[in-house]
Amino acid sequence: MGEIHDRMPVFLESEVWDEYLSLEKVDDAAKADMVQLLTVESDRVAGTITSYDVDRKVNNTRTADPTDPTLIEPLE
């Protein structure tokens, strides 16, 4: 897999969703705790993610049928 960039989605297990999505304002200590949580969770989940090449037709949203299951089949 390529390098992870700063706009990548956050990968979290469901047990931490509520904490991540909390609307409460946080102080600097809570911000540091959240960064630590995200780092630990992302590292843990990243090890379970796999990737594979798919057909280039997924790049054309004008003509690709989003219900076509072949869009996500691995290329051989």
PDB file of N, CA and C in Angstrom:
ATOM      1  N   MET A   1       0.846  -1.166   0.000  1.00  0.00           N
ATOM      2  CA  MET A   1       0.000   0.000   0.000  1.00  0.00           C
ATOM      3  C   MET A   1       0.894   1.233   0.000  1.00  0.00           C
ATOM      4  N   GLY A   2       0.379   2.299  -0.616  1.00  0.00           N
ATOM      5  CA  GLY A   2       1.148   3.531  -0.689  1.00  0.00           C
ATOM      6  C   GLY A   2       1.163   4.281   0.631  1.00  0.00           C
ATOM      7  N   GLU A   3       1.830   5.406   0.602  1.00  0.00           N
ATOM      8  CA  GLU A   3       1.941   6.233   1.803  1.00  0.00           C
ATOM      9  C   GLU A   3       0.575   6.760   2.214  1.00  0.00           C
ATOM     10  N   ILE A   4       0.343   6.820   3.495  1.00  0.00           N
ATOM     11  CA  ILE A   4      -0.897   7.380   4.039  1.00  0.00           C
ATOM     12  C   ILE A   4      -0.724   8.894   4.103  1.00  0.00           C
ATOM     13  N   HIS A   5      -1.704   9.633   3.594  1.00  0.00           N
ATOM     14  CA  HIS A   5      -1.593  11.092   3.598  1.00  0.00           C
ATOM     15  C   HIS A   5      -2.541  11.709   4.625  1.00  0.00           C
ATOM     16  N   ASP A   6      -2.430  13.010   4.826  1.00  0.00           N
ATOM     17  CA  ASP A   6      -3.159  13.689   5.903  1.00  0.00           C
ATOM     18  C   ASP A   6      -4.660  13.836   5.644  1.00  0.00           C
ATOM     19  N   ARG A   7      -5.153  13.443   4.488  1.00  0.00           N
ATOM     20  CA  ARG A   7      -6.590  13.495   4.218  1.00  0.00           C
ATOM     21  C   ARG A   7      -7.209  12.100   4.187  1.00  0.00           C
ATOM     22  N   MET A   8      -6.479  11.132   4.633  1.00  0.00           N
ATOM     23  CA  MET A   8      -7.010   9.770   4.669  1.00  0.00           C
ATOM     24  C   MET A   8      -8.113   9.683   5.715  1.00  0.00           C
ATOM     25  N   PRO A   9      -9.067   8.796   5.494  1.00  0.00           N
ATOM     26  CA  PRO A   9     -10.097   8.601   6.522  1.00  0.00           C
ATOM     27  C   PRO A   9      -9.499   8.043   7.808  1.00  0.00           C
ATOM     28  N   VAL A  10     -10.183   8.268   8.883  1.00  0.00           N
ATOM     29  CA  VAL A  10      -9.774   7.695  10.164  1.00  0.00           C
ATOM     30  C   VAL A  10     -10.398   6.307  10.259  1.00  0.00           C
ATOM     31  N   PHE A  11      -9.594   5.309  10.550  1.00  0.00           N
ATOM     32  CA  PHE A  11     -10.087   3.947  10.701  1.00  0.00           C
ATOM     33  C   PHE A  11     -10.211   3.636  12.177  1.00  0.00           C
ATOM     34  N   LEU A  12     -11.448   3.432  12.626  1.00  0.00           N
ATOM     35  CA  LEU A  12     -11.700   3.190  14.040  1.00  0.00           C
ATOM     36  C   LEU A  12     -12.610   1.987  14.217  1.00  0.00           C
ATOM     37  N   GLU A  13     -12.388   1.265  15.283  1.00  0.00           N
ATOM     38  CA  GLU A  13     -13.311   0.207  15.660  1.00  0.00           C
ATOM     39  C   GLU A  13     -14.550   0.858  16.267  1.00  0.00           C
ATOM     40  N   SER A  14     -15.681   0.191  16.182  1.00  0.00           N
ATOM     41  CA  SER A  14     -16.949   0.787  16.606  1.00  0.00           C
ATOM     42  C   SER A  14     -16.980   1.185  18.082  1.00  0.00           C
ATOM     43  N   GLU A  15     -16.196   0.538  18.923  1.00  0.00           N
ATOM     44  CA  GLU A  15     -16.247   0.870  20.351  1.00  0.00           C
ATOM     45  C   GLU A  15     -15.696   2.260  20.678  1.00  0.00           C
ATOM     46  N   VAL A  16     -15.010   2.912  19.753  1.00  0.00           N
ATOM     47  CA  VAL A  16     -14.502   4.264  20.014  1.00  0.00           C
ATOM     48  C   VAL A  16     -15.218   5.332  19.197  1.00  0.00           C
ATOM     49  N   TRP A  17     -16.224   4.966  18.414  1.00  0.00           N
ATOM     50  CA  TRP A  17     -16.950   5.936  17.597  1.00  0.00           C
ATOM     51  C   TRP A  17     -17.564   7.040  18.442  1.00  0.00           C
ATOM     52  N   ASP A  18     -18.230   6.686  19.538  1.00  0.00           N
ATOM     53  CA  ASP A  18     -18.898   7.714  20.359  1.00  0.00           C
ATOM     54  C   ASP A  18     -17.902   8.729  20.904  1.00  0.00           C
ATOM     55  N   GLU A  19     -16.763   8.245  21.357  1.00  0.00           N
ATOM     56  CA  GLU A  19     -15.747   9.166  21.885  1.00  0.00           C
ATOM     57  C   GLU A  19     -15.227  10.073  20.776  1.00  0.00           C
ATOM     58  N   TYR A  20     -14.972   9.517  19.604  1.00  0.00           N
ATOM     59  CA  TYR A  20     -14.458  10.298  18.477  1.00  0.00           C
ATOM     60  C   TYR A  20     -15.488  11.324  17.991  1.00  0.00           C
ATOM     61  N   LEU A  21     -16.746  10.945  17.989  1.00  0.00           N
ATOM     62  CA  LEU A  21     -17.799  11.816  17.462  1.00  0.00           C
ATOM     63  C   LEU A  21     -18.438  12.726  18.506  1.00  0.00           C
ATOM     64  N   SER A  22     -17.942  12.702  19.718  1.00  0.00           N
ATOM     65  CA  SER A  22     -18.506  13.519  20.790  1.00  0.00           C
ATOM     66  C   SER A  22     -18.497  15.000  20.405  1.00  0.00           C
ATOM     67  N   LEU A  23     -19.561  15.692  20.771  1.00  0.00           N
ATOM     68  CA  LEU A  23     -19.683  17.118  20.466  1.00  0.00           C
ATOM     69  C   LEU A  23     -19.118  18.010  21.566  1.00  0.00           C
ATOM     70  N   GLU A  24     -18.634  17.404  22.635  1.00  0.00           N
ATOM     71  CA  GLU A  24     -18.089  18.197  23.741  1.00  0.00           C
ATOM     72  C   GLU A  24     -16.805  18.899  23.326  1.00  0.00           C
ATOM     73  N   LYS A  25     -16.677  20.155  23.781  1.00  0.00           N
ATOM     74  CA  LYS A  25     -15.423  20.866  23.561  1.00  0.00           C
ATOM     75  C   LYS A  25     -14.362  20.237  24.435  1.00  0.00           C
ATOM     76  N   VAL A  26     -13.137  20.233  23.941  1.00  0.00           N
ATOM     77  CA  VAL A  26     -12.051  19.600  24.690  1.00  0.00           C
ATOM     78  C   VAL A  26     -10.933  20.597  24.965  1.00  0.00           C
ATOM     79  N   ASP A  27     -10.275  20.402  26.091  1.00  0.00           N
ATOM     80  CA  ASP A  27      -9.130  21.236  26.426  1.00  0.00           C
ATOM     81  C   ASP A  27      -7.875  20.618  25.801  1.00  0.00           C
ATOM     82  N   ASP A  28      -6.729  21.226  26.029  1.00  0.00           N
ATOM     83  CA  ASP A  28      -5.497  20.750  25.412  1.00  0.00           C
ATOM     84  C   ASP A  28      -5.151  19.321  25.828  1.00  0.00           C
ATOM     85  N   ALA A  29      -5.398  18.982  27.074  1.00  0.00           N
ATOM     86  CA  ALA A  29      -5.098  17.626  27.543  1.00  0.00           C
ATOM     87  C   ALA A  29      -5.992  16.605  26.839  1.00  0.00           C
ATOM     88  N   ALA A  30      -7.260  16.945  26.668  1.00  0.00           N
ATOM     89  CA  ALA A  30      -8.190  16.046  25.982  1.00  0.00           C
ATOM     90  C   ALA A  30      -7.831  15.925  24.503  1.00  0.00           C
ATOM     91  N   LYS A  31      -7.329  17.010  23.916  1.00  0.00           N
ATOM     92  CA  LYS A  31      -6.877  16.952  22.519  1.00  0.00           C
ATOM     93  C   LYS A  31      -5.718  15.975  22.383  1.00  0.00           C
ATOM     94  N   ALA A  32      -4.784  16.050  23.307  1.00  0.00           N
ATOM     95  CA  ALA A  32      -3.636  15.135  23.284  1.00  0.00           C
ATOM     96  C   ALA A  32      -4.108  13.689  23.457  1.00  0.00           C
ATOM     97  N   ASP A  33      -5.080  13.491  24.336  1.00  0.00           N
ATOM     98  CA  ASP A  33      -5.635  12.144  24.532  1.00  0.00           C
ATOM     99  C   ASP A  33      -6.297  11.637  23.252  1.00  0.00           C
ATOM    100  N   MET A  34      -7.003  12.521  22.545  1.00  0.00           N
ATOM    101  CA  MET A  34      -7.669  12.125  21.307  1.00  0.00           C
ATOM    102  C   MET A  34      -6.648  11.770  20.231  1.00  0.00           C
ATOM    103  N   VAL A  35      -5.605  12.551  20.122  1.00  0.00           N
ATOM    104  CA  VAL A  35      -4.546  12.233  19.153  1.00  0.00           C
ATOM    105  C   VAL A  35      -3.939  10.876  19.475  1.00  0.00           C
ATOM    106  N   GLN A  36      -3.713  10.608  20.747  1.00  0.00           N
ATOM    107  CA  GLN A  36      -3.180   9.314  21.158  1.00  0.00           C
ATOM    108  C   GLN A  36      -4.153   8.188  20.801  1.00  0.00           C
ATOM    109  N   LEU A  37      -5.436   8.391  21.067  1.00  0.00           N
ATOM    110  CA  LEU A  37      -6.453   7.397  20.725  1.00  0.00           C
ATOM    111  C   LEU A  37      -6.448   7.123  19.220  1.00  0.00           C
ATOM    112  N   LEU A  38      -6.445   8.192  18.422  1.00  0.00           N
ATOM    113  CA  LEU A  38      -6.456   8.033  16.971  1.00  0.00           C
ATOM    114  C   LEU A  38      -5.204   7.317  16.472  1.00  0.00           C
ATOM    115  N   THR A  39      -4.085   7.626  17.053  1.00  0.00           N
ATOM    116  CA  THR A  39      -2.836   6.972  16.658  1.00  0.00           C
ATOM    117  C   THR A  39      -2.885   5.485  16.957  1.00  0.00           C
ATOM    118  N   VAL A  40      -3.279   5.133  18.165  1.00  0.00           N
ATOM    119  CA  VAL A  40      -3.335   3.723  18.566  1.00  0.00           C
ATOM    120  C   VAL A  40      -4.353   2.967  17.725  1.00  0.00           C
ATOM    121  N   GLU A  41      -5.552   3.531  17.589  1.00  0.00           N
ATOM    122  CA  GLU A  41      -6.606   2.863  16.818  1.00  0.00           C
ATOM    123  C   GLU A  41      -6.226   2.727  15.349  1.00  0.00           C
ATOM    124  N   SER A  42      -5.715   3.791  14.762  1.00  0.00           N
ATOM    125  CA  SER A  42      -5.335   3.748  13.352  1.00  0.00           C
ATOM    126  C   SER A  42      -4.227   2.728  13.104  1.00  0.00           C
ATOM    127  N   ASP A  43      -3.250   2.689  13.985  1.00  0.00           N
ATOM    128  CA  ASP A  43      -2.172   1.701  13.848  1.00  0.00           C
ATOM    129  C   ASP A  43      -2.722   0.283  13.945  1.00  0.00           C
ATOM    130  N   ARG A  44      -3.649   0.074  14.867  1.00  0.00           N
ATOM    131  CA  ARG A  44      -4.220  -1.254  15.065  1.00  0.00           C
ATOM    132  C   ARG A  44      -5.046  -1.680  13.854  1.00  0.00           C
ATOM    133  N   VAL A  45      -5.909  -0.788  13.378  1.00  0.00           N
ATOM    134  CA  VAL A  45      -6.784  -1.120  12.263  1.00  0.00           C
ATOM    135  C   VAL A  45      -6.010  -1.172  10.938  1.00  0.00           C
ATOM    136  N   ALA A  46      -5.030  -0.317  10.769  1.00  0.00           N
ATOM    137  CA  ALA A  46      -4.263  -0.287   9.516  1.00  0.00           C
ATOM    138  C   ALA A  46      -3.631  -1.635   9.204  1.00  0.00           C
ATOM    139  N   GLY A  47      -3.260  -2.367  10.225  1.00  0.00           N
ATOM    140  CA  GLY A  47      -2.659  -3.681  10.010  1.00  0.00           C
ATOM    141  C   GLY A  47      -3.623  -4.699   9.449  1.00  0.00           C
ATOM    142  N   THR A  48      -4.905  -4.402   9.465  1.00  0.00           N
ATOM    143  CA  THR A  48      -5.907  -5.342   8.956  1.00  0.00           C
ATOM    144  C   THR A  48      -6.389  -4.979   7.556  1.00  0.00           C
ATOM    145  N   ILE A  49      -5.953  -3.839   7.035  1.00  0.00           N
ATOM    146  CA  ILE A  49      -6.432  -3.368   5.734  1.00  0.00           C
ATOM    147  C   ILE A  49      -5.568  -3.959   4.626  1.00  0.00           C
ATOM    148  N   THR A  50      -6.242  -4.440   3.589  1.00  0.00           N
ATOM    149  CA  THR A  50      -5.533  -4.944   2.409  1.00  0.00           C
ATOM    150  C   THR A  50      -5.986  -4.154   1.194  1.00  0.00           C
ATOM    151  N   SER A  51      -5.206  -4.202   0.154  1.00  0.00           N
ATOM    152  CA  SER A  51      -5.576  -3.509  -1.073  1.00  0.00           C
ATOM    153  C   SER A  51      -5.315  -4.410  -2.264  1.00  0.00           C
ATOM    154  N   TYR A  52      -5.987  -4.101  -3.347  1.00  0.00           N
ATOM    155  CA  TYR A  52      -5.769  -4.835  -4.593  1.00  0.00           C
ATOM    156  C   TYR A  52      -6.200  -3.943  -5.746  1.00  0.00           C
ATOM    157  N   ASP A  53      -5.661  -4.216  -6.928  1.00  0.00           N
ATOM    158  CA  ASP A  53      -6.000  -3.446  -8.114  1.00  0.00           C
ATOM    159  C   ASP A  53      -7.378  -3.846  -8.613  1.00  0.00           C
ATOM    160  N   VAL A  54      -8.130  -2.841  -9.088  1.00  0.00           N
ATOM    161  CA  VAL A  54      -9.439  -3.072  -9.689  1.00  0.00           C
ATOM    162  C   VAL A  54      -9.443  -2.451 -11.086  1.00  0.00           C
ATOM    163  N   ASP A  55     -10.464  -2.769 -11.846  1.00  0.00           N
ATOM    164  CA  ASP A  55     -10.582  -2.270 -13.206  1.00  0.00           C
ATOM    165  C   ASP A  55     -10.633  -0.745 -13.219  1.00  0.00           C
ATOM    166  N   ARG A  56     -10.042  -0.143 -14.240  1.00  0.00           N
ATOM    167  CA  ARG A  56      -9.995   1.317 -14.343  1.00  0.00           C
ATOM    168  C   ARG A  56     -11.371   1.941 -14.548  1.00  0.00           C
ATOM    169  N   LYS A  57     -12.363   1.134 -14.893  1.00  0.00           N
ATOM    170  CA  LYS A  57     -13.699   1.692 -15.122  1.00  0.00           C
ATOM    171  C   LYS A  57     -14.272   2.328 -13.849  1.00  0.00           C
ATOM    172  N   VAL A  58     -13.744   2.004 -12.693  1.00  0.00           N
ATOM    173  CA  VAL A  58     -14.225   2.645 -11.456  1.00  0.00           C
ATOM    174  C   VAL A  58     -13.900   4.127 -11.425  1.00  0.00           C
ATOM    175  N   ASN A  59     -12.960   4.563 -12.256  1.00  0.00           N
ATOM    176  CA  ASN A  59     -12.556   5.972 -12.272  1.00  0.00           C
ATOM    177  C   ASN A  59     -13.519   6.871 -13.042  1.00  0.00           C
ATOM    178  N   ASN A  60     -14.453   6.292 -13.784  1.00  0.00           N
ATOM    179  CA  ASN A  60     -15.363   7.097 -14.589  1.00  0.00           C
ATOM    180  C   ASN A  60     -16.767   7.041 -13.995  1.00  0.00           C
ATOM    181  N   THR A  61     -17.068   7.995 -13.147  1.00  0.00           N
ATOM    182  CA  THR A  61     -18.360   7.991 -12.456  1.00  0.00           C
ATOM    183  C   THR A  61     -19.528   8.300 -13.390  1.00  0.00           C
ATOM    184  N   ARG A  62     -19.243   8.854 -14.571  1.00  0.00           N
ATOM    185  CA  ARG A  62     -20.323   9.138 -15.525  1.00  0.00           C
ATOM    186  C   ARG A  62     -20.838   7.873 -16.189  1.00  0.00           C
ATOM    187  N   THR A  63     -19.975   6.888 -16.394  1.00  0.00           N
ATOM    188  CA  THR A  63     -20.407   5.694 -17.115  1.00  0.00           C
ATOM    189  C   THR A  63     -20.426   4.427 -16.259  1.00  0.00           C
ATOM    190  N   ALA A  64     -19.788   4.451 -15.120  1.00  0.00           N
ATOM    191  CA  ALA A  64     -19.758   3.260 -14.269  1.00  0.00           C
ATOM    192  C   ALA A  64     -21.093   3.087 -13.552  1.00  0.00           C
ATOM    193  N   ASP A  65     -21.584   1.864 -13.557  1.00  0.00           N
ATOM    194  CA  ASP A  65     -22.826   1.541 -12.858  1.00  0.00           C
ATOM    195  C   ASP A  65     -22.477   1.232 -11.400  1.00  0.00           C
ATOM    196  N   PRO A  66     -22.915   2.048 -10.444  1.00  0.00           N
ATOM    197  CA  PRO A  66     -22.527   1.822  -9.044  1.00  0.00           C
ATOM    198  C   PRO A  66     -23.049   0.511  -8.466  1.00  0.00           C
ATOM    199  N   THR A  67     -23.990  -0.122  -9.136  1.00  0.00           N
ATOM    200  CA  THR A  67     -24.493  -1.412  -8.649  1.00  0.00           C
ATOM    201  C   THR A  67     -23.755  -2.595  -9.272  1.00  0.00           C
ATOM    202  N   ASP A  68     -22.789  -2.313 -10.140  1.00  0.00           N
ATOM    203  CA  ASP A  68     -22.031  -3.367 -10.819  1.00  0.00           C
ATOM    204  C   ASP A  68     -21.020  -3.982  -9.853  1.00  0.00           C
ATOM    205  N   PRO A  69     -21.209  -5.246  -9.454  1.00  0.00           N
ATOM    206  CA  PRO A  69     -20.294  -5.872  -8.492  1.00  0.00           C
ATOM    207  C   PRO A  69     -18.883  -6.086  -9.037  1.00  0.00           C
ATOM    208  N   THR A  70     -18.728  -6.050 -10.353  1.00  0.00           N
ATOM    209  CA  THR A  70     -17.385  -6.252 -10.909  1.00  0.00           C
ATOM    210  C   THR A  70     -16.473  -5.062 -10.645  1.00  0.00           C
ATOM    211  N   LEU A  71     -17.046  -3.936 -10.249  1.00  0.00           N
ATOM    212  CA  LEU A  71     -16.222  -2.753  -9.979  1.00  0.00           C
ATOM    213  C   LEU A  71     -15.225  -2.990  -8.854  1.00  0.00           C
ATOM    214  N   ILE A  72     -15.552  -3.870  -7.937  1.00  0.00           N
ATOM    215  CA  ILE A  72     -14.656  -4.089  -6.801  1.00  0.00           C
ATOM    216  C   ILE A  72     -13.981  -5.455  -6.816  1.00  0.00           C
ATOM    217  N   GLU A  73     -14.116  -6.174  -7.936  1.00  0.00           N
ATOM    218  CA  GLU A  73     -13.441  -7.464  -8.046  1.00  0.00           C
ATOM    219  C   GLU A  73     -11.962  -7.241  -8.331  1.00  0.00           C
ATOM    220  N   PRO A  74     -11.100  -8.019  -7.692  1.00  0.00           N
ATOM    221  CA  PRO A  74      -9.660  -7.867  -7.956  1.00  0.00           C
ATOM    222  C   PRO A  74      -9.313  -8.233  -9.398  1.00  0.00           C
ATOM    223  N   LEU A  75      -8.382  -7.491  -9.967  1.00  0.00           N
ATOM    224  CA  LEU A  75      -7.856  -7.851 -11.281  1.00  0.00           C
ATOM    225  C   LEU A  75      -6.929  -9.043 -11.124  1.00  0.00           C
ATOM    226  N   GLU A  76      -6.880  -9.847 -12.134  1.00  0.00           N
ATOM    227  CA  GLU A  76      -5.976 -11.012 -12.059  1.00  0.00           C
ATOM    228  C   GLU A  76      -4.627 -10.688 -12.590  1.00  0.00           C
TER     229      GLU A  76
END
